Amino acid sequence: MINQMNQNDHTPNAFSNTLKELQIGKLLRKSNITKSCGISAYEVFQFLLLSVFQGKNLFRFLNSKHKDQAVSKNTYCRFLNETSYNWSRFLLLLAVRVTAAFDSLTRPERVKVLILDDSVIKRNRSKTVELPARVYDHVEHKFQKGFTLLALGRSDGYGFIPTGFNLLSSATKSNRYNEVSDKIDHRTNGYKFRKESMMQKTDAAILLIICGNRRSIKCFFKASKSFLKLGTGFQSHNYGAMVSHTAIVFTRYIILEWIRRNQNDQKTYGELFYMFCEDIQDMDLTNALQSLMALFVEHISTLSADITSVLKSKVTEWIASQAAFIQALFGNICRES
């Protein structure tokens, strides 16, 4: 997807530049998020990170006309389910890198706070998913089947950066619908995440640290659920896959926040989201127009000289009447013809 966007010199690829600037590949390796063979973990991560801007979840994308841009579903499932990956470390390393850069943009006396809050992730229709529990939803004022996402983030008053999370089940066994899969190796990071999910919320909060002004984290939860597909972008019965998915959603948010702060404007997260959706969709249209024109030029070259001359003249007139970016798309093709 990133490679596809790079083909258009007129479309600023902010996401691609940000991934390089933040050295995401190095942070993944430091967090043991690597693969020994096949497509690299970095490429798989990039695809999952940007998939939300196609307006489809993973299943729908792999069954769409764009499926040739992806690899097999099993590759993504194995990546999300891998128990050796340390997603907590990755998210913390990324947050440290971003907040250090943001600190240089604000006055030293600017107050920074850590904000802690929770939100319910519903899984009411799931029957075999690991560790769902009966949790109380304070928004709808009723119990739900799912998880309590306890999140910690840092705010300097201008923006919010998530630094850690715990996808909580319940400390009370009778409230849990299913237990941990017996196939999980107890020595792995994946098992550690599962054990922490069964802590009391207060104990989990102490692990994540303290709270402050809650407004920015509420905006974070809303943007993550409404635009970045938190809890809905990928459905799995595996608890580890849900942890991986949550870390990827948080990374999407951090990158959008990085871009927003570097552009130094007041765009909302919704505006940024739709801007990148449009960039990717416009790239598909660009490729289609260029391919169509190349096919047309190839075809008229087989016609008689008189007909070819007339057609070239008409096409040149049409291109000259178009907007500048359309003329730029077809400039090379017309000169070759």
C-alpha atoms as a PDB file:
ATOM      1  CA  MET A   1       0.000   0.000   0.000  1.00  0.00           C
ATOM      2  CA  ILE A   2       2.844   2.380   0.874  1.00  0.00           C
ATOM      3  CA  ASN A   3       4.662   1.417  -2.334  1.00  0.00           C
ATOM      4  CA  GLN A   4       1.504   2.196  -4.294  1.00  0.00           C
ATOM      5  CA  MET A   5       1.302   5.660  -2.766  1.00  0.00           C
ATOM      6  CA  ASN A   6       4.982   6.304  -3.507  1.00  0.00           C
ATOM      7  CA  GLN A   7       4.360   5.951  -7.249  1.00  0.00           C
ATOM      8  CA  ASN A   8       2.570   9.317  -7.307  1.00  0.00           C
ATOM      9  CA  ASP A   9       5.176  12.088  -7.071  1.00  0.00           C
ATOM     10  CA  HIS A  10       2.407  14.666  -6.605  1.00  0.00           C
ATOM     11  CA  THR A  11       0.948  13.045  -3.480  1.00  0.00           C
ATOM     12  CA  PRO A  12       2.916  13.822  -0.295  1.00  0.00           C
ATOM     13  CA  ASN A  13       3.346  10.480   1.443  1.00  0.00           C
ATOM     14  CA  ALA A  14       3.283  11.637   5.045  1.00  0.00           C
ATOM     15  CA  PHE A  15       2.770   8.154   6.421  1.00  0.00           C
ATOM     16  CA  SER A  16       5.750   6.665   4.604  1.00  0.00           C
ATOM     17  CA  ASN A  17       7.999   9.535   5.691  1.00  0.00           C
ATOM     18  CA  THR A  18       6.793   9.254   9.289  1.00  0.00           C
ATOM     19  CA  LEU A  19       7.503   5.515   9.474  1.00  0.00           C
ATOM     20  CA  LYS A  20      11.057   6.174   8.297  1.00  0.00           C
ATOM     21  CA  GLU A  21      11.540   9.207  10.534  1.00  0.00           C
ATOM     22  CA  LEU A  22      10.403   7.324  13.632  1.00  0.00           C
ATOM     23  CA  GLN A  23      12.494   4.264  12.651  1.00  0.00           C
ATOM     24  CA  ILE A  24       9.545   1.938  13.124  1.00  0.00           C
ATOM     25  CA  GLY A  25      11.489  -1.027  11.744  1.00  0.00           C
ATOM     26  CA  LYS A  26      14.180  -0.660  14.401  1.00  0.00           C
ATOM     27  CA  LEU A  27      11.571  -0.371  17.172  1.00  0.00           C
ATOM     28  CA  LEU A  28       9.893  -3.568  15.952  1.00  0.00           C
ATOM     29  CA  ARG A  29      13.200  -5.440  16.070  1.00  0.00           C
ATOM     30  CA  LYS A  30      13.940  -4.151  19.581  1.00  0.00           C
ATOM     31  CA  SER A  31      10.553  -5.553  20.648  1.00  0.00           C
ATOM     32  CA  ASN A  32      11.258  -8.990  19.150  1.00  0.00           C
ATOM     33  CA  ILE A  33       8.672  -8.397  16.406  1.00  0.00           C
ATOM     34  CA  THR A  34      10.577 -10.151  13.638  1.00  0.00           C
ATOM     35  CA  LYS A  35      10.156 -13.074  11.238  1.00  0.00           C
ATOM     36  CA  SER A  36      12.772 -15.611  10.221  1.00  0.00           C
ATOM     37  CA  CYS A  37      11.484 -16.186   6.688  1.00  0.00           C
ATOM     38  CA  GLY A  38       8.962 -15.023   4.096  1.00  0.00           C
ATOM     39  CA  ILE A  39       7.617 -11.467   3.948  1.00  0.00           C
ATOM     40  CA  SER A  40       9.213  -9.339   6.657  1.00  0.00           C
ATOM     41  CA  ALA A  41       7.428  -8.422   9.892  1.00  0.00           C
ATOM     42  CA  TYR A  42       7.911  -4.758   8.970  1.00  0.00           C
ATOM     43  CA  GLU A  43       5.998  -5.202   5.684  1.00  0.00           C
ATOM     44  CA  VAL A  44       3.176  -7.102   7.401  1.00  0.00           C
ATOM     45  CA  PHE A  45       2.983  -4.401  10.071  1.00  0.00           C
ATOM     46  CA  GLN A  46       2.871  -1.637   7.431  1.00  0.00           C
ATOM     47  CA  PHE A  47      -0.019  -3.331   5.651  1.00  0.00           C
ATOM     48  CA  LEU A  48      -2.051  -3.809   8.839  1.00  0.00           C
ATOM     49  CA  LEU A  49      -1.260  -0.248   9.921  1.00  0.00           C
ATOM     50  CA  LEU A  50      -2.588   1.295   6.695  1.00  0.00           C
ATOM     51  CA  SER A  51      -5.428  -1.140   6.010  1.00  0.00           C
ATOM     52  CA  VAL A  52      -7.930   1.014   7.917  1.00  0.00           C
ATOM     53  CA  PHE A  53      -7.596   3.782   5.309  1.00  0.00           C
ATOM     54  CA  GLN A  54      -9.007   1.453   2.646  1.00  0.00           C
ATOM     55  CA  GLY A  55     -12.360   1.550   4.433  1.00  0.00           C
ATOM     56  CA  LYS A  56     -12.449  -2.248   4.867  1.00  0.00           C
ATOM     57  CA  ASN A  57     -11.513  -4.685   7.598  1.00  0.00           C
ATOM     58  CA  LEU A  58      -8.878  -7.323   6.862  1.00  0.00           C
ATOM     59  CA  PHE A  59     -11.380  -9.987   5.781  1.00  0.00           C
ATOM     60  CA  ARG A  60     -13.166  -7.647   3.341  1.00  0.00           C
ATOM     61  CA  PHE A  61      -9.887  -6.343   1.914  1.00  0.00           C
ATOM     62  CA  LEU A  62      -8.562  -9.858   1.234  1.00  0.00           C
ATOM     63  CA  ASN A  63     -11.761 -10.591  -0.698  1.00  0.00           C
ATOM     64  CA  SER A  64     -11.787  -7.336  -2.667  1.00  0.00           C
ATOM     65  CA  LYS A  65     -10.316  -6.366  -6.036  1.00  0.00           C
ATOM     66  CA  HIS A  66      -7.240  -5.075  -4.174  1.00  0.00           C
ATOM     67  CA  LYS A  67      -6.301  -8.476  -2.744  1.00  0.00           C
ATOM     68  CA  ASP A  68      -3.257  -8.690  -5.059  1.00  0.00           C
ATOM     69  CA  GLN A  69      -1.650  -5.985  -2.866  1.00  0.00           C
ATOM     70  CA  ALA A  70      -1.678  -8.383   0.104  1.00  0.00           C
ATOM     71  CA  VAL A  71      -0.341 -11.808   1.019  1.00  0.00           C
ATOM     72  CA  SER A  72      -2.360 -14.699   2.433  1.00  0.00           C
ATOM     73  CA  LYS A  73      -4.745 -14.301   5.356  1.00  0.00           C
ATOM     74  CA  ASN A  74      -2.741 -16.923   7.291  1.00  0.00           C
ATOM     75  CA  THR A  75       0.335 -14.672   7.196  1.00  0.00           C
ATOM     76  CA  TYR A  76      -1.529 -11.844   8.919  1.00  0.00           C
ATOM     77  CA  CYS A  77      -3.212 -14.189  11.405  1.00  0.00           C
ATOM     78  CA  ARG A  78       0.112 -15.771  12.407  1.00  0.00           C
ATOM     79  CA  PHE A  79       1.619 -12.305  12.823  1.00  0.00           C
ATOM     80  CA  LEU A  80      -1.219 -11.112  15.070  1.00  0.00           C
ATOM     81  CA  ASN A  81      -1.324 -14.353  17.086  1.00  0.00           C
ATOM     82  CA  GLU A  82       2.449 -14.633  17.679  1.00  0.00           C
ATOM     83  CA  THR A  83       3.092 -14.954  21.427  1.00  0.00           C
ATOM     84  CA  SER A  84       6.787 -13.972  21.373  1.00  0.00           C
ATOM     85  CA  TYR A  85       6.142 -10.390  20.198  1.00  0.00           C
ATOM     86  CA  ASN A  86       6.402  -7.737  22.916  1.00  0.00           C
ATOM     87  CA  TRP A  87       3.784  -5.195  21.874  1.00  0.00           C
ATOM     88  CA  SER A  88       3.947  -3.353  25.207  1.00  0.00           C
ATOM     89  CA  ARG A  89       7.653  -2.663  24.696  1.00  0.00           C
ATOM     90  CA  PHE A  90       7.100  -1.523  21.109  1.00  0.00           C
ATOM     91  CA  LEU A  91       4.348   0.917  22.059  1.00  0.00           C
ATOM     92  CA  LEU A  92       6.406   2.325  24.938  1.00  0.00           C
ATOM     93  CA  LEU A  93       9.531   2.771  22.769  1.00  0.00           C
ATOM     94  CA  LEU A  94       7.460   4.542  20.110  1.00  0.00           C
ATOM     95  CA  ALA A  95       5.761   6.780  22.685  1.00  0.00           C
ATOM     96  CA  VAL A  96       9.120   7.738  24.226  1.00  0.00           C
ATOM     97  CA  ARG A  97      10.524   8.686  20.820  1.00  0.00           C
ATOM     98  CA  VAL A  98       7.496  10.788  19.899  1.00  0.00           C
ATOM     99  CA  THR A  99       7.091  12.553  23.254  1.00  0.00           C
ATOM    100  CA  ALA A 100      10.813  13.400  23.329  1.00  0.00           C
ATOM    101  CA  ALA A 101      10.387  15.153  19.970  1.00  0.00           C
ATOM    102  CA  PHE A 102       7.241  16.943  21.153  1.00  0.00           C
ATOM    103  CA  ASP A 103       9.024  18.195  24.286  1.00  0.00           C
ATOM    104  CA  SER A 104      11.384  20.156  22.076  1.00  0.00           C
ATOM    105  CA  LEU A 105       8.369  21.992  20.621  1.00  0.00           C
ATOM    106  CA  THR A 106       6.971  23.188  23.954  1.00  0.00           C
ATOM    107  CA  ARG A 107       8.240  25.425  26.727  1.00  0.00           C
ATOM    108  CA  PRO A 108      10.105  23.664  29.582  1.00  0.00           C
ATOM    109  CA  GLU A 109       7.592  24.967  32.111  1.00  0.00           C
ATOM    110  CA  ARG A 110       4.702  23.398  30.193  1.00  0.00           C
ATOM    111  CA  VAL A 111       2.876  20.941  32.483  1.00  0.00           C
ATOM    112  CA  LYS A 112       2.849  17.335  31.297  1.00  0.00           C
ATOM    113  CA  VAL A 113       0.442  14.786  32.773  1.00  0.00           C
ATOM    114  CA  LEU A 114      -0.186  11.052  32.610  1.00  0.00           C
ATOM    115  CA  ILE A 115      -3.832  10.185  31.988  1.00  0.00           C
ATOM    116  CA  LEU A 116      -5.449   6.858  32.841  1.00  0.00           C
ATOM    117  CA  ASP A 117      -8.933   5.795  31.752  1.00  0.00           C
ATOM    118  CA  ASP A 118     -10.873   2.787  30.517  1.00  0.00           C
ATOM    119  CA  SER A 119     -13.350   1.939  27.779  1.00  0.00           C
ATOM    120  CA  VAL A 120     -15.380  -1.188  27.025  1.00  0.00           C
ATOM    121  CA  ILE A 121     -14.565  -3.341  23.983  1.00  0.00           C
ATOM    122  CA  LYS A 122     -17.709  -5.376  23.218  1.00  0.00           C
ATOM    123  CA  ARG A 123     -17.606  -8.994  22.039  1.00  0.00           C
ATOM    124  CA  ASN A 124     -21.257  -9.900  22.698  1.00  0.00           C
ATOM    125  CA  ARG A 125     -21.537 -12.359  19.810  1.00  0.00           C
ATOM    126  CA  SER A 126     -18.228 -14.163  20.365  1.00  0.00           C
ATOM    127  CA  LYS A 127     -18.519 -17.673  21.783  1.00  0.00           C
ATOM    128  CA  THR A 128     -15.003 -19.123  21.666  1.00  0.00           C
ATOM    129  CA  VAL A 129     -12.791 -16.036  22.077  1.00  0.00           C
ATOM    130  CA  GLU A 130     -10.250 -16.201  24.911  1.00  0.00           C
ATOM    131  CA  LEU A 131     -10.980 -14.478  28.232  1.00  0.00           C
ATOM    132  CA  PRO A 132     -14.107 -12.379  27.548  1.00  0.00           C
ATOM    133  CA  ALA A 133     -15.822 -11.322  30.760  1.00  0.00           C
ATOM    134  CA  ARG A 134     -18.997  -9.759  32.073  1.00  0.00           C
ATOM    135  CA  VAL A 135     -18.015  -6.076  32.298  1.00  0.00           C
ATOM    136  CA  TYR A 136     -20.052  -3.002  33.162  1.00  0.00           C
ATOM    137  CA  ASP A 137     -20.422  -0.340  30.471  1.00  0.00           C
ATOM    138  CA  HIS A 138     -20.762   3.091  32.143  1.00  0.00           C
ATOM    139  CA  VAL A 139     -21.849   4.661  28.842  1.00  0.00           C
ATOM    140  CA  GLU A 140     -24.822   2.374  28.214  1.00  0.00           C
ATOM    141  CA  HIS A 141     -25.316   1.591  31.933  1.00  0.00           C
ATOM    142  CA  LYS A 142     -25.498  -2.162  31.525  1.00  0.00           C
ATOM    143  CA  PHE A 143     -23.276  -5.230  31.528  1.00  0.00           C
ATOM    144  CA  GLN A 144     -21.586  -6.307  28.297  1.00  0.00           C
ATOM    145  CA  LYS A 145     -19.650  -9.361  27.193  1.00  0.00           C
ATOM    146  CA  GLY A 146     -16.137  -8.280  26.277  1.00  0.00           C
ATOM    147  CA  PHE A 147     -13.115  -6.532  27.749  1.00  0.00           C
ATOM    148  CA  THR A 148     -12.213  -3.374  29.613  1.00  0.00           C
ATOM    149  CA  LEU A 149      -9.463  -1.534  27.774  1.00  0.00           C
ATOM    150  CA  LEU A 150      -7.420   0.277  30.418  1.00  0.00           C
ATOM    151  CA  ALA A 151      -5.156   2.795  28.687  1.00  0.00           C
ATOM    152  CA  LEU A 152      -2.418   5.142  29.861  1.00  0.00           C
ATOM    153  CA  GLY A 153      -1.214   8.153  27.909  1.00  0.00           C
ATOM    154  CA  ARG A 154       0.792  11.350  28.197  1.00  0.00           C
ATOM    155  CA  SER A 155      -0.539  14.820  27.418  1.00  0.00           C
ATOM    156  CA  ASP A 156       1.159  18.213  27.237  1.00  0.00           C
ATOM    157  CA  GLY A 157      -2.125  20.059  26.705  1.00  0.00           C
ATOM    158  CA  TYR A 158      -1.710  20.158  22.914  1.00  0.00           C
ATOM    159  CA  GLY A 159      -1.942  16.459  22.137  1.00  0.00           C
ATOM    160  CA  PHE A 160      -2.234  12.974  23.600  1.00  0.00           C
ATOM    161  CA  ILE A 161       0.128  10.028  23.098  1.00  0.00           C
ATOM    162  CA  PRO A 162      -0.941   6.535  24.297  1.00  0.00           C
ATOM    163  CA  THR A 163       1.954   4.839  26.118  1.00  0.00           C
ATOM    164  CA  GLY A 164       0.473   1.549  27.338  1.00  0.00           C
ATOM    165  CA  PHE A 165      -2.659  -0.500  27.803  1.00  0.00           C
ATOM    166  CA  ASN A 166      -4.109  -3.588  29.428  1.00  0.00           C
ATOM    167  CA  LEU A 167      -6.981  -5.436  27.766  1.00  0.00           C
ATOM    168  CA  LEU A 168      -8.642  -6.515  30.998  1.00  0.00           C
ATOM    169  CA  SER A 169     -10.852  -9.557  31.412  1.00  0.00           C
ATOM    170  CA  SER A 170     -11.969 -10.103  35.021  1.00  0.00           C
ATOM    171  CA  ALA A 171     -10.160 -11.048  38.213  1.00  0.00           C
ATOM    172  CA  THR A 172     -13.221 -13.075  39.231  1.00  0.00           C
ATOM    173  CA  LYS A 173     -13.295 -16.446  37.507  1.00  0.00           C
ATOM    174  CA  SER A 174     -17.098 -16.688  37.591  1.00  0.00           C
ATOM    175  CA  ASN A 175     -17.308 -13.492  35.482  1.00  0.00           C
ATOM    176  CA  ARG A 176     -15.112 -14.946  32.724  1.00  0.00           C
ATOM    177  CA  TYR A 177     -16.845 -16.793  29.890  1.00  0.00           C
ATOM    178  CA  ASN A 178     -13.707 -18.621  28.676  1.00  0.00           C
ATOM    179  CA  GLU A 179     -10.234 -19.206  30.043  1.00  0.00           C
ATOM    180  CA  VAL A 180      -6.731 -19.024  28.553  1.00  0.00           C
ATOM    181  CA  SER A 181      -6.040 -21.524  25.788  1.00  0.00           C
ATOM    182  CA  ASP A 182      -4.014 -24.480  27.055  1.00  0.00           C
ATOM    183  CA  LYS A 183      -1.852 -24.234  23.920  1.00  0.00           C
ATOM    184  CA  ILE A 184      -0.145 -21.015  25.102  1.00  0.00           C
ATOM    185  CA  ASP A 185       3.471 -21.412  26.266  1.00  0.00           C
ATOM    186  CA  HIS A 186       3.700 -20.001  29.803  1.00  0.00           C
ATOM    187  CA  ARG A 187       7.173 -18.580  29.112  1.00  0.00           C
ATOM    188  CA  THR A 188       6.045 -16.191  26.373  1.00  0.00           C
ATOM    189  CA  ASN A 189       5.035 -12.535  26.306  1.00  0.00           C
ATOM    190  CA  GLY A 190       1.614 -13.668  25.099  1.00  0.00           C
ATOM    191  CA  TYR A 191       0.987 -15.615  28.318  1.00  0.00           C
ATOM    192  CA  LYS A 192       2.213 -12.654  30.399  1.00  0.00           C
ATOM    193  CA  PHE A 193      -0.377 -10.410  28.719  1.00  0.00           C
ATOM    194  CA  ARG A 194      -3.093 -12.968  29.459  1.00  0.00           C
ATOM    195  CA  LYS A 195      -2.141 -13.220  33.136  1.00  0.00           C
ATOM    196  CA  GLU A 196      -2.140  -9.425  33.484  1.00  0.00           C
ATOM    197  CA  SER A 197      -5.627  -9.287  31.949  1.00  0.00           C
ATOM    198  CA  MET A 198      -6.970 -11.120  35.020  1.00  0.00           C
ATOM    199  CA  MET A 199      -5.672  -8.555  37.521  1.00  0.00           C
ATOM    200  CA  GLN A 200      -7.871  -6.243  39.543  1.00  0.00           C
ATOM    201  CA  LYS A 201      -8.328  -2.942  37.690  1.00  0.00           C
ATOM    202  CA  THR A 202      -6.615  -1.012  40.511  1.00  0.00           C
ATOM    203  CA  ASP A 203      -3.566  -3.306  40.396  1.00  0.00           C
ATOM    204  CA  ALA A 204      -3.406  -3.005  36.613  1.00  0.00           C
ATOM    205  CA  ALA A 205      -3.645   0.783  36.943  1.00  0.00           C
ATOM    206  CA  ILE A 206      -0.659   0.844  39.313  1.00  0.00           C
ATOM    207  CA  LEU A 207       1.371  -1.051  36.719  1.00  0.00           C
ATOM    208  CA  LEU A 208       0.445   1.535  34.102  1.00  0.00           C
ATOM    209  CA  ILE A 209       0.882   4.489  36.691  1.00  0.00           C
ATOM    210  CA  ILE A 210      -1.409   7.658  37.498  1.00  0.00           C
ATOM    211  CA  CYS A 211      -4.113   9.898  36.129  1.00  0.00           C
ATOM    212  CA  GLY A 212      -4.705  13.547  35.276  1.00  0.00           C
ATOM    213  CA  ASN A 213      -7.025  15.561  33.004  1.00  0.00           C
ATOM    214  CA  ARG A 214      -9.265  12.998  31.256  1.00  0.00           C
ATOM    215  CA  ARG A 215     -10.509  15.058  28.319  1.00  0.00           C
ATOM    216  CA  SER A 216      -7.745  14.168  25.864  1.00  0.00           C
ATOM    217  CA  ILE A 217      -7.968  10.427  26.561  1.00  0.00           C
ATOM    218  CA  LYS A 218     -11.725  10.534  25.961  1.00  0.00           C
ATOM    219  CA  CYS A 219     -11.010  12.097  22.552  1.00  0.00           C
ATOM    220  CA  PHE A 220      -8.431   9.359  21.984  1.00  0.00           C
ATOM    221  CA  PHE A 221     -10.954   6.585  22.692  1.00  0.00           C
ATOM    222  CA  LYS A 222     -13.555   8.220  20.442  1.00  0.00           C
ATOM    223  CA  ALA A 223     -11.134   8.675  17.526  1.00  0.00           C
ATOM    224  CA  SER A 224      -9.733   5.151  17.922  1.00  0.00           C
ATOM    225  CA  LYS A 225     -13.175   3.542  17.879  1.00  0.00           C
ATOM    226  CA  SER A 226     -14.843   5.798  15.292  1.00  0.00           C
ATOM    227  CA  PHE A 227     -12.045   6.086  12.740  1.00  0.00           C
ATOM    228  CA  LEU A 228      -9.224   3.641  13.516  1.00  0.00           C
ATOM    229  CA  LYS A 229     -11.424   0.547  14.020  1.00  0.00           C
ATOM    230  CA  LEU A 230     -10.448  -0.216  17.606  1.00  0.00           C
ATOM    231  CA  GLY A 231     -12.172  -3.479  18.501  1.00  0.00           C
ATOM    232  CA  THR A 232     -13.744  -3.958  15.057  1.00  0.00           C
ATOM    233  CA  GLY A 233     -10.937  -3.881  12.471  1.00  0.00           C
ATOM    234  CA  PHE A 234      -9.930  -7.488  13.070  1.00  0.00           C
ATOM    235  CA  GLN A 235     -11.981 -10.214  14.760  1.00  0.00           C
ATOM    236  CA  SER A 236     -10.193 -13.193  16.318  1.00  0.00           C
ATOM    237  CA  HIS A 237     -10.763 -15.807  19.006  1.00  0.00           C
ATOM    238  CA  ASN A 238      -7.132 -15.424  20.065  1.00  0.00           C
ATOM    239  CA  TYR A 239      -6.446 -13.008  22.932  1.00  0.00           C
ATOM    240  CA  GLY A 240      -2.938 -12.318  21.610  1.00  0.00           C
ATOM    241  CA  ALA A 241      -4.356 -11.168  18.280  1.00  0.00           C
ATOM    242  CA  MET A 242      -6.553  -8.666  20.115  1.00  0.00           C
ATOM    243  CA  VAL A 243      -3.483  -7.324  21.951  1.00  0.00           C
ATOM    244  CA  SER A 244      -1.616  -7.024  18.629  1.00  0.00           C
ATOM    245  CA  HIS A 245      -4.584  -5.297  16.986  1.00  0.00           C
ATOM    246  CA  THR A 246      -4.879  -2.809  19.872  1.00  0.00           C
ATOM    247  CA  ALA A 247      -1.166  -1.966  19.681  1.00  0.00           C
ATOM    248  CA  ILE A 248      -1.478  -1.369  15.918  1.00  0.00           C
ATOM    249  CA  VAL A 249      -4.501   0.928  16.421  1.00  0.00           C
ATOM    250  CA  PHE A 250      -2.566   2.892  19.070  1.00  0.00           C
ATOM    251  CA  THR A 251       0.331   3.201  16.615  1.00  0.00           C
ATOM    252  CA  ARG A 252      -2.036   4.603  13.969  1.00  0.00           C
ATOM    253  CA  TYR A 253      -3.148   7.235  16.459  1.00  0.00           C
ATOM    254  CA  ILE A 254       0.438   8.142  17.417  1.00  0.00           C
ATOM    255  CA  ILE A 255       1.411   8.586  13.756  1.00  0.00           C
ATOM    256  CA  LEU A 256      -1.629  10.795  13.082  1.00  0.00           C
ATOM    257  CA  GLU A 257      -0.728  12.854  16.151  1.00  0.00           C
ATOM    258  CA  TRP A 258       2.893  13.125  14.948  1.00  0.00           C
ATOM    259  CA  ILE A 259       1.751  14.373  11.542  1.00  0.00           C
ATOM    260  CA  ARG A 260      -0.741  16.803  13.083  1.00  0.00           C
ATOM    261  CA  ARG A 261       1.867  18.318  15.391  1.00  0.00           C
ATOM    262  CA  ASN A 262       4.506  18.589  12.661  1.00  0.00           C
ATOM    263  CA  GLN A 263       2.063  20.327  10.350  1.00  0.00           C
ATOM    264  CA  ASN A 264       1.292  22.741  13.198  1.00  0.00           C
ATOM    265  CA  ASP A 265      -2.379  23.103  12.359  1.00  0.00           C
ATOM    266  CA  GLN A 266      -5.732  22.432  13.992  1.00  0.00           C
ATOM    267  CA  LYS A 267      -6.924  19.476  11.933  1.00  0.00           C
ATOM    268  CA  THR A 268      -9.145  17.051  13.815  1.00  0.00           C
ATOM    269  CA  TYR A 269      -8.368  13.340  13.745  1.00  0.00           C
ATOM    270  CA  GLY A 270     -11.422  12.831  11.573  1.00  0.00           C
ATOM    271  CA  GLU A 271     -10.072  15.251   8.969  1.00  0.00           C
ATOM    272  CA  LEU A 272      -6.662  13.562   8.991  1.00  0.00           C
ATOM    273  CA  PHE A 273      -8.271  10.137   8.665  1.00  0.00           C
ATOM    274  CA  TYR A 274     -10.369  11.059   5.640  1.00  0.00           C
ATOM    275  CA  MET A 275      -7.457  12.940   4.058  1.00  0.00           C
ATOM    276  CA  PHE A 276      -5.378   9.753   4.002  1.00  0.00           C
ATOM    277  CA  CYS A 277      -8.343   7.700   2.816  1.00  0.00           C
ATOM    278  CA  GLU A 278      -8.658  10.080  -0.126  1.00  0.00           C
ATOM    279  CA  ASP A 279      -4.914   9.908  -0.847  1.00  0.00           C
ATOM    280  CA  ILE A 280      -5.005   6.129  -1.203  1.00  0.00           C
ATOM    281  CA  GLN A 281      -8.219   6.136  -3.243  1.00  0.00           C
ATOM    282  CA  ASP A 282      -6.867   8.883  -5.549  1.00  0.00           C
ATOM    283  CA  MET A 283      -3.769   6.789  -6.117  1.00  0.00           C
ATOM    284  CA  ASP A 284      -5.937   3.938  -7.419  1.00  0.00           C
ATOM    285  CA  LEU A 285      -7.643   6.366  -9.838  1.00  0.00           C
ATOM    286  CA  THR A 286      -4.276   7.743 -10.947  1.00  0.00           C
ATOM    287  CA  ASN A 287      -2.972   4.281 -11.827  1.00  0.00           C
ATOM    288  CA  ALA A 288      -6.191   3.483 -13.679  1.00  0.00           C
ATOM    289  CA  LEU A 289      -6.045   6.667 -15.802  1.00  0.00           C
ATOM    290  CA  GLN A 290      -2.378   6.194 -16.663  1.00  0.00           C
ATOM    291  CA  SER A 291      -2.929   2.544 -17.619  1.00  0.00           C
ATOM    292  CA  LEU A 292      -5.937   3.455 -19.754  1.00  0.00           C
ATOM    293  CA  MET A 293      -4.026   6.179 -21.609  1.00  0.00           C
ATOM    294  CA  ALA A 294      -1.010   3.915 -22.173  1.00  0.00           C
ATOM    295  CA  LEU A 295      -3.317   1.250 -23.640  1.00  0.00           C
ATOM    296  CA  PHE A 296      -4.967   3.860 -25.878  1.00  0.00           C
ATOM    297  CA  VAL A 297      -1.608   5.138 -27.183  1.00  0.00           C
ATOM    298  CA  GLU A 298      -0.451   1.581 -27.859  1.00  0.00           C
ATOM    299  CA  HIS A 299      -3.633   0.848 -29.795  1.00  0.00           C
ATOM    300  CA  ILE A 300      -3.642   3.936 -32.040  1.00  0.00           C
ATOM    301  CA  SER A 301      -0.040   3.247 -33.058  1.00  0.00           C
ATOM    302  CA  THR A 302      -1.380   0.270 -35.034  1.00  0.00           C
ATOM    303  CA  LEU A 303      -3.748   2.462 -37.078  1.00  0.00           C
ATOM    304  CA  SER A 304      -3.065   4.305 -40.335  1.00  0.00           C
ATOM    305  CA  ALA A 305      -1.013   7.510 -40.206  1.00  0.00           C
ATOM    306  CA  ASP A 306      -3.972   9.766 -41.123  1.00  0.00           C
ATOM    307  CA  ILE A 307      -6.263   8.373 -38.416  1.00  0.00           C
ATOM    308  CA  THR A 308      -3.448   8.392 -35.862  1.00  0.00           C
ATOM    309  CA  SER A 309      -2.681  12.047 -36.600  1.00  0.00           C
ATOM    310  CA  VAL A 310      -6.322  13.080 -36.072  1.00  0.00           C
ATOM    311  CA  LEU A 311      -6.653  11.086 -32.859  1.00  0.00           C
ATOM    312  CA  LYS A 312      -3.406  12.503 -31.435  1.00  0.00           C
ATOM    313  CA  SER A 313      -4.576  16.025 -32.193  1.00  0.00           C
ATOM    314  CA  LYS A 314      -7.926  15.467 -30.430  1.00  0.00           C
ATOM    315  CA  VAL A 315      -6.277  13.841 -27.408  1.00  0.00           C
ATOM    316  CA  THR A 316      -3.754  16.680 -27.137  1.00  0.00           C
ATOM    317  CA  GLU A 317      -6.581  19.234 -27.203  1.00  0.00           C
ATOM    318  CA  TRP A 318      -8.489  17.289 -24.505  1.00  0.00           C
ATOM    319  CA  ILE A 319      -5.457  17.039 -22.224  1.00  0.00           C
ATOM    320  CA  ALA A 320      -4.743  20.764 -22.637  1.00  0.00           C
ATOM    321  CA  SER A 321      -8.265  21.519 -21.392  1.00  0.00           C
ATOM    322  CA  GLN A 322      -7.807  19.494 -18.193  1.00  0.00           C
ATOM    323  CA  ALA A 323      -6.529  20.508 -14.763  1.00  0.00           C
ATOM    324  CA  ALA A 324      -2.787  20.728 -14.214  1.00  0.00           C
ATOM    325  CA  PHE A 325      -2.522  17.455 -12.282  1.00  0.00           C
ATOM    326  CA  ILE A 326      -4.282  15.561 -15.140  1.00  0.00           C
ATOM    327  CA  GLN A 327      -1.878  17.112 -17.655  1.00  0.00           C
ATOM    328  CA  ALA A 328       1.043  16.021 -15.448  1.00  0.00           C
ATOM    329  CA  LEU A 329      -0.227  12.420 -15.412  1.00  0.00           C
ATOM    330  CA  PHE A 330      -0.307  12.156 -19.201  1.00  0.00           C
ATOM    331  CA  GLY A 331       2.617  14.391 -20.150  1.00  0.00           C
ATOM    332  CA  ASN A 332       5.214  11.641 -20.602  1.00  0.00           C
ATOM    333  CA  ILE A 333       2.840   9.357 -22.491  1.00  0.00           C
ATOM    334  CA  CYS A 334       1.847  12.103 -24.928  1.00  0.00           C
ATOM    335  CA  ARG A 335       5.477  13.049 -25.603  1.00  0.00           C
ATOM    336  CA  GLU A 336       6.332   9.404 -26.322  1.00  0.00           C
ATOM    337  CA  SER A 337       3.396   9.105 -28.714  1.00  0.00           C
END
